[in-house]
Amino acid sequence: MSARSMISAILVSAPQLTRFALSSLWTITTLGRQVRKARRAFEKQLIAEGMSKEDAKRISAFYEELKDSIVQMSMRGVSLRGRR
């Protein structure tokens, strides 16, 4: 592949790659916001049922761990490292 055709391919794919990157960033941001919201609601419900605040926070921490593992998996799938 010549340098000219490679530059052309990069320029043609740049808008799609930019759109994909922005969409991924928006998805991760939205996921984080929704997880925080769900975690707070879950904690409130557990506390309302009589559980101590510390235990409710400890249990709801699994929401964050799940979100982090989902983000790591998606980033691992997008990563170009090691592909040739």
C-alpha atoms as a PDB file:
ATOM      1  CA  MET A   1       0.000   0.000   0.000  1.00  0.00           C
ATOM      2  CA  SER A   2       1.482   3.309  -0.997  1.00  0.00           C
ATOM      3  CA  ALA A   3       1.784   6.254   1.349  1.00  0.00           C
ATOM      4  CA  ARG A   4      -0.672   8.229  -0.751  1.00  0.00           C
ATOM      5  CA  SER A   5      -3.412   5.607  -0.547  1.00  0.00           C
ATOM      6  CA  MET A   6      -2.799   5.147   3.190  1.00  0.00           C
ATOM      7  CA  ILE A   7      -3.187   8.882   3.845  1.00  0.00           C
ATOM      8  CA  SER A   8      -6.339   8.875   1.731  1.00  0.00           C
ATOM      9  CA  ALA A   9      -7.766   5.955   3.728  1.00  0.00           C
ATOM     10  CA  ILE A  10      -7.006   7.733   7.019  1.00  0.00           C
ATOM     11  CA  LEU A  11      -8.663  10.954   5.844  1.00  0.00           C
ATOM     12  CA  VAL A  12     -11.740   9.085   4.639  1.00  0.00           C
ATOM     13  CA  SER A  13     -12.158   7.160   7.896  1.00  0.00           C
ATOM     14  CA  ALA A  14     -11.401  10.090  10.239  1.00  0.00           C
ATOM     15  CA  PRO A  15     -15.024  11.309  10.548  1.00  0.00           C
ATOM     16  CA  GLN A  16     -16.296   7.826  11.403  1.00  0.00           C
ATOM     17  CA  LEU A  17     -13.518   7.267  13.933  1.00  0.00           C
ATOM     18  CA  THR A  18     -14.228  10.635  15.526  1.00  0.00           C
ATOM     19  CA  ARG A  19     -17.944   9.884  15.707  1.00  0.00           C
ATOM     20  CA  PHE A  20     -17.209   6.479  17.241  1.00  0.00           C
ATOM     21  CA  ALA A  21     -14.847   7.982  19.840  1.00  0.00           C
ATOM     22  CA  LEU A  22     -17.347  10.672  20.846  1.00  0.00           C
ATOM     23  CA  SER A  23     -20.173   8.148  20.997  1.00  0.00           C
ATOM     24  CA  SER A  24     -18.099   5.842  23.200  1.00  0.00           C
ATOM     25  CA  LEU A  25     -17.174   8.701  25.511  1.00  0.00           C
ATOM     26  CA  TRP A  26     -20.820   9.751  25.777  1.00  0.00           C
ATOM     27  CA  THR A  27     -21.884   6.171  26.529  1.00  0.00           C
ATOM     28  CA  ILE A  28     -19.301   5.786  29.291  1.00  0.00           C
ATOM     29  CA  THR A  29     -20.305   9.140  30.819  1.00  0.00           C
ATOM     30  CA  THR A  30     -23.999   8.262  30.709  1.00  0.00           C
ATOM     31  CA  LEU A  31     -23.333   4.814  32.182  1.00  0.00           C
ATOM     32  CA  GLY A  32     -21.420   6.381  35.069  1.00  0.00           C
ATOM     33  CA  ARG A  33     -24.242   8.822  35.786  1.00  0.00           C
ATOM     34  CA  GLN A  34     -26.901   6.095  35.688  1.00  0.00           C
ATOM     35  CA  VAL A  35     -24.853   3.811  37.950  1.00  0.00           C
ATOM     36  CA  ARG A  36     -24.447   6.573  40.551  1.00  0.00           C
ATOM     37  CA  LYS A  37     -28.181   7.211  40.432  1.00  0.00           C
ATOM     38  CA  ALA A  38     -29.048   3.516  40.779  1.00  0.00           C
ATOM     39  CA  ARG A  39     -26.533   3.081  43.582  1.00  0.00           C
ATOM     40  CA  ARG A  40     -28.006   5.950  45.594  1.00  0.00           C
ATOM     41  CA  ALA A  41     -31.543   4.660  45.085  1.00  0.00           C
ATOM     42  CA  PHE A  42     -30.495   1.152  46.123  1.00  0.00           C
ATOM     43  CA  GLU A  43     -28.762   2.477  49.250  1.00  0.00           C
ATOM     44  CA  LYS A  44     -31.828   4.524  50.205  1.00  0.00           C
ATOM     45  CA  GLN A  45     -34.063   1.504  49.780  1.00  0.00           C
ATOM     46  CA  LEU A  46     -31.805  -0.728  51.879  1.00  0.00           C
ATOM     47  CA  ILE A  47     -31.586   1.906  54.618  1.00  0.00           C
ATOM     48  CA  ALA A  48     -35.382   2.319  54.536  1.00  0.00           C
ATOM     49  CA  GLU A  49     -35.704  -1.437  55.083  1.00  0.00           C
ATOM     50  CA  GLY A  50     -33.564  -1.192  58.215  1.00  0.00           C
ATOM     51  CA  MET A  51     -30.029  -1.941  57.067  1.00  0.00           C
ATOM     52  CA  SER A  52     -27.173   0.123  58.463  1.00  0.00           C
ATOM     53  CA  LYS A  53     -25.780   2.861  56.229  1.00  0.00           C
ATOM     54  CA  GLU A  54     -22.296   1.306  56.149  1.00  0.00           C
ATOM     55  CA  ASP A  55     -23.624  -2.097  55.062  1.00  0.00           C
ATOM     56  CA  ALA A  56     -25.809  -0.495  52.397  1.00  0.00           C
ATOM     57  CA  LYS A  57     -22.802   1.388  51.017  1.00  0.00           C
ATOM     58  CA  ARG A  58     -20.693  -1.782  51.038  1.00  0.00           C
ATOM     59  CA  ILE A  59     -23.326  -3.749  49.142  1.00  0.00           C
ATOM     60  CA  SER A  60     -24.045  -0.978  46.643  1.00  0.00           C
ATOM     61  CA  ALA A  61     -20.321  -0.722  45.852  1.00  0.00           C
ATOM     62  CA  PHE A  62     -20.828  -3.731  43.577  1.00  0.00           C
ATOM     63  CA  TYR A  63     -22.656  -1.421  41.138  1.00  0.00           C
ATOM     64  CA  GLU A  64     -19.432   0.556  40.686  1.00  0.00           C
ATOM     65  CA  GLU A  65     -17.344  -2.606  40.340  1.00  0.00           C
ATOM     66  CA  LEU A  66     -19.696  -3.928  37.673  1.00  0.00           C
ATOM     67  CA  LYS A  67     -19.571  -0.628  35.778  1.00  0.00           C
ATOM     68  CA  ASP A  68     -15.772  -0.586  35.947  1.00  0.00           C
ATOM     69  CA  SER A  69     -15.511  -4.125  34.617  1.00  0.00           C
ATOM     70  CA  ILE A  70     -17.925  -3.307  31.760  1.00  0.00           C
ATOM     71  CA  VAL A  71     -15.867  -0.253  30.798  1.00  0.00           C
ATOM     72  CA  GLN A  72     -12.632  -2.253  30.972  1.00  0.00           C
ATOM     73  CA  MET A  73     -14.082  -4.987  28.752  1.00  0.00           C
ATOM     74  CA  SER A  74     -15.300  -2.490  26.181  1.00  0.00           C
ATOM     75  CA  MET A  75     -11.962  -0.688  26.149  1.00  0.00           C
ATOM     76  CA  ARG A  76     -10.120  -3.979  25.767  1.00  0.00           C
ATOM     77  CA  GLY A  77     -12.287  -4.742  22.739  1.00  0.00           C
ATOM     78  CA  VAL A  78     -11.470  -1.391  21.145  1.00  0.00           C
ATOM     79  CA  SER A  79      -7.775  -1.446  21.962  1.00  0.00           C
ATOM     80  CA  LEU A  80      -5.481  -1.823  18.993  1.00  0.00           C
ATOM     81  CA  ARG A  81      -2.522  -2.931  21.061  1.00  0.00           C
ATOM     82  CA  GLY A  82      -1.196  -6.298  20.023  1.00  0.00           C
ATOM     83  CA  ARG A  83      -3.027  -6.413  16.689  1.00  0.00           C
ATOM     84  CA  ARG A  84      -0.977  -6.579  13.519  1.00  0.00           C
END
